[in-house]
PDB file of N, CA and C in Angstrom:
ATOM      1  N   MET A   1       3.933 -11.681 -16.449  1.00  0.00           N
ATOM      2  CA  MET A   1       3.342 -10.554 -15.656  1.00  0.00           C
ATOM      3  C   MET A   1       4.593  -9.940 -14.991  1.00  0.00           C
ATOM      4  N   ASN A   2       4.833  -8.763 -14.950  1.00  0.00           N
ATOM      5  CA  ASN A   2       5.858  -7.401 -14.477  1.00  0.00           C
ATOM      6  C   ASN A   2       5.567  -7.489 -13.174  1.00  0.00           C
ATOM      7  N   TYR A   3       6.660  -7.766 -12.250  1.00  0.00           N
ATOM      8  CA  TYR A   3       6.402  -7.157 -10.948  1.00  0.00           C
ATOM      9  C   TYR A   3       7.087  -5.940 -10.282  1.00  0.00           C
ATOM     10  N   MET A   4       6.813  -5.483  -9.441  1.00  0.00           N
ATOM     11  CA  MET A   4       7.541  -4.649  -8.392  1.00  0.00           C
ATOM     12  C   MET A   4       7.624  -4.884  -7.004  1.00  0.00           C
ATOM     13  N   THR A   5       9.029  -4.213  -6.186  1.00  0.00           N
ATOM     14  CA  THR A   5       8.599  -4.330  -4.898  1.00  0.00           C
ATOM     15  C   THR A   5       8.537  -3.538  -3.968  1.00  0.00           C
ATOM     16  N   VAL A   6       8.042  -4.098  -2.787  1.00  0.00           N
ATOM     17  CA  VAL A   6       7.468  -2.956  -1.600  1.00  0.00           C
ATOM     18  C   VAL A   6       8.182  -1.576  -1.762  1.00  0.00           C
ATOM     19  N   ARG A   7       9.382  -1.581  -2.022  1.00  0.00           N
ATOM     20  CA  ARG A   7       9.913  -0.287  -2.078  1.00  0.00           C
ATOM     21  C   ARG A   7       9.875   0.518  -3.435  1.00  0.00           C
ATOM     22  N   GLU A   8       9.353   0.045  -4.456  1.00  0.00           N
ATOM     23  CA  GLU A   8       9.286   0.456  -5.795  1.00  0.00           C
ATOM     24  C   GLU A   8       7.796   1.005  -5.545  1.00  0.00           C
ATOM     25  N   ALA A   9       6.860   0.020  -4.897  1.00  0.00           N
ATOM     26  CA  ALA A   9       5.583   0.891  -4.867  1.00  0.00           C
ATOM     27  C   ALA A   9       5.809   1.831  -4.064  1.00  0.00           C
ATOM     28  N   GLY A  10       6.031   1.722  -2.929  1.00  0.00           N
ATOM     29  CA  GLY A  10       6.266   3.015  -2.010  1.00  0.00           C
ATOM     30  C   GLY A  10       6.581   4.331  -2.612  1.00  0.00           C
ATOM     31  N   GLU A  11       7.416   4.233  -3.350  1.00  0.00           N
ATOM     32  CA  GLU A  11       8.004   5.449  -4.249  1.00  0.00           C
ATOM     33  C   GLU A  11       7.281   6.009  -5.245  1.00  0.00           C
ATOM     34  N   LYS A  12       6.470   4.717  -6.074  1.00  0.00           N
ATOM     35  CA  LYS A  12       5.614   5.374  -6.883  1.00  0.00           C
ATOM     36  C   LYS A  12       3.932   5.818  -6.452  1.00  0.00           C
ATOM     37  N   TRP A  13       3.909   5.645  -5.023  1.00  0.00           N
ATOM     38  CA  TRP A  13       2.685   6.133  -4.810  1.00  0.00           C
ATOM     39  C   TRP A  13       2.701   7.151  -3.362  1.00  0.00           C
ATOM     40  N   GLY A  14       4.228   6.914  -3.292  1.00  0.00           N
ATOM     41  CA  GLY A  14       4.397   8.550  -2.540  1.00  0.00           C
ATOM     42  C   GLY A  14       4.018   7.857  -0.723  1.00  0.00           C
ATOM     43  N   ILE A  15       4.087   6.801  -0.370  1.00  0.00           N
ATOM     44  CA  ILE A  15       3.619   6.180   1.086  1.00  0.00           C
ATOM     45  C   ILE A  15       5.248   5.481   1.518  1.00  0.00           C
ATOM     46  N   GLY A  16       5.106   4.918   2.571  1.00  0.00           N
ATOM     47  CA  GLY A  16       6.149   4.166   3.110  1.00  0.00           C
ATOM     48  C   GLY A  16       6.105   2.811   3.011  1.00  0.00           C
ATOM     49  N   GLY A  17       7.405   2.028   2.728  1.00  0.00           N
ATOM     50  CA  GLY A  17       7.044   0.620   2.255  1.00  0.00           C
ATOM     51  C   GLY A  17       6.495   0.115   3.279  1.00  0.00           C
ATOM     52  N   ARG A  18       6.475   0.170   4.793  1.00  0.00           N
ATOM     53  CA  ARG A  18       5.590  -0.513   5.689  1.00  0.00           C
ATOM     54  C   ARG A  18       4.200  -0.638   5.502  1.00  0.00           C
ATOM     55  N   MET A  19       3.718   0.635   4.736  1.00  0.00           N
ATOM     56  CA  MET A  19       2.162   0.762   4.724  1.00  0.00           C
ATOM     57  C   MET A  19       2.001  -0.188   3.537  1.00  0.00           C
ATOM     58  N   VAL A  20       2.604  -0.054   2.157  1.00  0.00           N
ATOM     59  CA  VAL A  20       2.573  -0.802   1.538  1.00  0.00           C
ATOM     60  C   VAL A  20       2.612  -2.425   1.849  1.00  0.00           C
ATOM     61  N   THR A  21       3.375  -2.864   2.718  1.00  0.00           N
ATOM     62  CA  THR A  21       3.480  -3.824   3.237  1.00  0.00           C
ATOM     63  C   THR A  21       2.168  -4.518   4.006  1.00  0.00           C
ATOM     64  N   LEU A  22       1.504  -3.428   4.691  1.00  0.00           N
ATOM     65  CA  LEU A  22       0.272  -3.386   5.318  1.00  0.00           C
ATOM     66  C   LEU A  22      -0.950  -3.598   4.258  1.00  0.00           C
ATOM     67  N   TYR A  23      -1.004  -2.872   3.216  1.00  0.00           N
ATOM     68  CA  TYR A  23      -1.779  -3.176   2.318  1.00  0.00           C
ATOM     69  C   TYR A  23      -1.940  -4.502   1.936  1.00  0.00           C
ATOM     70  N   CYS A  24      -0.654  -5.205   1.485  1.00  0.00           N
ATOM     71  CA  CYS A  24      -0.361  -6.525   0.913  1.00  0.00           C
ATOM     72  C   CYS A  24      -1.032  -7.349   1.819  1.00  0.00           C
ATOM     73  N   ALA A  25      -0.372  -7.436   3.146  1.00  0.00           N
ATOM     74  CA  ALA A  25      -1.146  -8.536   4.313  1.00  0.00           C
ATOM     75  C   ALA A  25      -2.613  -8.431   4.152  1.00  0.00           C
ATOM     76  N   ALA A  26      -3.367  -7.312   4.169  1.00  0.00           N
ATOM     77  CA  ALA A  26      -4.457  -7.323   4.255  1.00  0.00           C
ATOM     78  C   ALA A  26      -5.289  -7.298   2.736  1.00  0.00           C
ATOM     79  N   GLY A  27      -4.457  -7.867   2.037  1.00  0.00           N
ATOM     80  CA  GLY A  27      -5.210  -8.022   0.763  1.00  0.00           C
ATOM     81  C   GLY A  27      -5.925  -6.947   0.025  1.00  0.00           C
ATOM     82  N   ARG A  28      -5.465  -5.849   0.283  1.00  0.00           N
ATOM     83  CA  ARG A  28      -6.050  -4.597  -0.262  1.00  0.00           C
ATOM     84  C   ARG A  28      -5.357  -4.476  -1.890  1.00  0.00           C
ATOM     85  N   ILE A  29      -4.437  -5.194  -2.328  1.00  0.00           N
ATOM     86  CA  ILE A  29      -3.722  -4.909  -3.470  1.00  0.00           C
ATOM     87  C   ILE A  29      -3.769  -6.340  -4.391  1.00  0.00           C
ATOM     88  N   LYS A  30      -4.596  -5.976  -5.249  1.00  0.00           N
ATOM     89  CA  LYS A  30      -4.905  -6.987  -6.044  1.00  0.00           C
ATOM     90  C   LYS A  30      -3.861  -7.777  -6.900  1.00  0.00           C
ATOM     91  N   GLY A  31      -3.753  -9.037  -6.873  1.00  0.00           N
ATOM     92  CA  GLY A  31      -2.529  -9.474  -7.259  1.00  0.00           C
ATOM     93  C   GLY A  31      -1.207  -9.548  -6.496  1.00  0.00           C
ATOM     94  N   ALA A  32      -1.080  -9.121  -5.589  1.00  0.00           N
ATOM     95  CA  ALA A  32      -0.040  -9.211  -4.772  1.00  0.00           C
ATOM     96  C   ALA A  32       0.245 -10.652  -4.172  1.00  0.00           C
ATOM     97  N   GLU A  33       1.533 -10.905  -4.207  1.00  0.00           N
ATOM     98  CA  GLU A  33       2.112 -12.383  -4.088  1.00  0.00           C
ATOM     99  C   GLU A  33       3.211 -12.060  -2.801  1.00  0.00           C
ATOM    100  N   LYS A  34       3.374 -13.303  -1.836  1.00  0.00           N
ATOM    101  CA  LYS A  34       4.382 -13.196  -1.229  1.00  0.00           C
ATOM    102  C   LYS A  34       5.042 -14.284  -1.423  1.00  0.00           C
ATOM    103  N   ILE A  35       6.259 -14.109  -1.933  1.00  0.00           N
ATOM    104  CA  ILE A  35       7.350 -14.968  -2.064  1.00  0.00           C
ATOM    105  C   ILE A  35       8.337 -15.103  -1.052  1.00  0.00           C
ATOM    106  N   GLY A  36       8.183 -15.917  -0.142  1.00  0.00           N
ATOM    107  CA  GLY A  36       9.206 -16.170   1.216  1.00  0.00           C
ATOM    108  C   GLY A  36       8.648 -15.241   1.786  1.00  0.00           C
ATOM    109  N   ASN A  37       9.670 -14.148   2.064  1.00  0.00           N
ATOM    110  CA  ASN A  37       9.522 -13.011   3.067  1.00  0.00           C
ATOM    111  C   ASN A  37       9.439 -11.844   2.174  1.00  0.00           C
ATOM    112  N   MET A  38       9.322 -11.821   0.877  1.00  0.00           N
ATOM    113  CA  MET A  38       9.104 -10.650   0.054  1.00  0.00           C
ATOM    114  C   MET A  38       7.619 -10.421  -0.583  1.00  0.00           C
ATOM    115  N   TRP A  39       7.092  -9.696  -0.684  1.00  0.00           N
ATOM    116  CA  TRP A  39       6.053  -9.437  -1.605  1.00  0.00           C
ATOM    117  C   TRP A  39       6.338  -8.704  -2.776  1.00  0.00           C
ATOM    118  N   LEU A  40       5.575  -9.227  -3.775  1.00  0.00           N
ATOM    119  CA  LEU A  40       5.755  -8.649  -5.450  1.00  0.00           C
ATOM    120  C   LEU A  40       4.379  -8.344  -5.429  1.00  0.00           C
ATOM    121  N   LEU A  41       4.386  -7.212  -6.315  1.00  0.00           N
ATOM    122  CA  LEU A  41       3.140  -6.510  -6.718  1.00  0.00           C
ATOM    123  C   LEU A  41       3.005  -6.196  -8.467  1.00  0.00           C
ATOM    124  N   PRO A  42       1.863  -6.377  -8.953  1.00  0.00           N
ATOM    125  CA  PRO A  42       1.724  -5.789 -10.427  1.00  0.00           C
ATOM    126  C   PRO A  42       2.575  -4.559 -10.709  1.00  0.00           C
ATOM    127  N   LYS A  43       3.140  -4.414 -11.662  1.00  0.00           N
ATOM    128  CA  LYS A  43       3.548  -3.462 -12.353  1.00  0.00           C
ATOM    129  C   LYS A  43       2.504  -2.132 -12.358  1.00  0.00           C
ATOM    130  N   ASP A  44       1.074  -2.646 -12.763  1.00  0.00           N
ATOM    131  CA  ASP A  44       0.136  -1.880 -13.114  1.00  0.00           C
ATOM    132  C   ASP A  44      -0.905  -1.910 -11.738  1.00  0.00           C
ATOM    133  N   ALA A  45      -0.396  -2.800 -10.616  1.00  0.00           N
ATOM    134  CA  ALA A  45      -1.129  -2.188  -9.686  1.00  0.00           C
ATOM    135  C   ALA A  45      -1.765  -0.560  -9.081  1.00  0.00           C
ATOM    136  N   GLU A  46      -2.920  -0.761  -8.496  1.00  0.00           N
ATOM    137  CA  GLU A  46      -3.398   0.827  -8.413  1.00  0.00           C
ATOM    138  C   GLU A  46      -2.943   0.993  -6.563  1.00  0.00           C
ATOM    139  N   LYS A  47      -2.738   2.117  -6.120  1.00  0.00           N
ATOM    140  CA  LYS A  47      -2.789   2.441  -4.941  1.00  0.00           C
ATOM    141  C   LYS A  47      -4.178   2.274  -4.123  1.00  0.00           C
ATOM    142  N   PRO A  48      -4.466   1.326  -3.076  1.00  0.00           N
ATOM    143  CA  PRO A  48      -5.536   1.353  -2.603  1.00  0.00           C
ATOM    144  C   PRO A  48      -5.951   2.497  -1.909  1.00  0.00           C
ATOM    145  N   GLU A  49      -7.194   3.108  -1.727  1.00  0.00           N
ATOM    146  CA  GLU A  49      -7.585   4.070  -0.717  1.00  0.00           C
ATOM    147  C   GLU A  49      -7.239   3.588   0.520  1.00  0.00           C
ATOM    148  N   ASP A  50      -6.838   4.801   1.169  1.00  0.00           N
ATOM    149  CA  ASP A  50      -6.447   4.709   2.644  1.00  0.00           C
ATOM    150  C   ASP A  50      -7.321   4.728   3.469  1.00  0.00           C
ATOM    151  N   GLY A  51      -7.900   3.579   4.400  1.00  0.00           N
ATOM    152  CA  GLY A  51      -8.961   3.648   4.812  1.00  0.00           C
ATOM    153  C   GLY A  51      -8.862   4.011   6.173  1.00  0.00           C
ATOM    154  N   ARG A  52      -7.762   4.921   6.826  1.00  0.00           N
ATOM    155  CA  ARG A  52      -8.027   5.477   7.941  1.00  0.00           C
ATOM    156  C   ARG A  52      -8.548   6.914   7.792  1.00  0.00           C
ATOM    157  N   VAL A  53      -9.229   6.945   8.985  1.00  0.00           N
ATOM    158  CA  VAL A  53     -10.273   8.070   8.972  1.00  0.00           C
ATOM    159  C   VAL A  53     -10.046   9.438   9.881  1.00  0.00           C
ATOM    160  N   LYS A  54      -9.826  10.717   9.167  1.00  0.00           N
ATOM    161  CA  LYS A  54      -9.374  11.289  10.303  1.00  0.00           C
ATOM    162  C   LYS A  54     -10.575  12.220  10.913  1.00  0.00           C
ATOM    163  N   ARG A  55     -10.672  12.611  12.181  1.00  0.00           N
ATOM    164  CA  ARG A  55     -11.950  12.977  12.342  1.00  0.00           C
ATOM    165  C   ARG A  55     -11.975  14.658  12.538  1.00  0.00           C
ATOM    166  N   GLU A  56     -12.786  15.189  12.105  1.00  0.00           N
ATOM    167  CA  GLU A  56     -13.033  16.646  12.225  1.00  0.00           C
ATOM    168  C   GLU A  56     -12.571  17.183  13.791  1.00  0.00           C
ATOM    169  N   VAL A  57     -11.843  18.341  14.052  1.00  0.00           N
ATOM    170  CA  VAL A  57     -11.499  18.879  15.258  1.00  0.00           C
ATOM    171  C   VAL A  57     -12.483  20.066  15.318  1.00  0.00           C
ATOM    172  N   GLN A  58     -13.364  20.300  16.379  1.00  0.00           N
ATOM    173  CA  GLN A  58     -13.852  21.306  16.696  1.00  0.00           C
ATOM    174  C   GLN A  58     -13.261  22.507  17.631  1.00  0.00           C
ATOM    175  N   SER A  59     -13.197  23.719  16.829  1.00  0.00           N
ATOM    176  CA  SER A  59     -12.734  24.561  17.590  1.00  0.00           C
ATOM    177  C   SER A  59     -13.397  25.386  18.851  1.00  0.00           C
ATOM    178  N   GLY A  60     -12.950  25.256  19.956  1.00  0.00           N
ATOM    179  CA  GLY A  60     -13.490  25.706  21.466  1.00  0.00           C
ATOM    180  C   GLY A  60     -13.404  27.428  21.177  1.00  0.00           C
ATOM    181  N   LYS A  61     -13.617  27.896  20.108  1.00  0.00           N
ATOM    182  CA  LYS A  61     -13.604  29.357  20.315  1.00  0.00           C
ATOM    183  C   LYS A  61     -15.430  29.690  20.191  1.00  0.00           C
TER     184      LYS A  61
END
């Protein structure tokens, strides 16, 4: 299986490496493996959906 690094995944998905690391640590990327202090992700892994929710801001007008 071919793997990519956290940095490569971040560039591919348009997000920061820290967010990719958090997804890996939370088990949200299928097939991600931690080797020593480095995460390896399958090249064909898909970006997980962002679980953070923005709340609606109501206008005071």
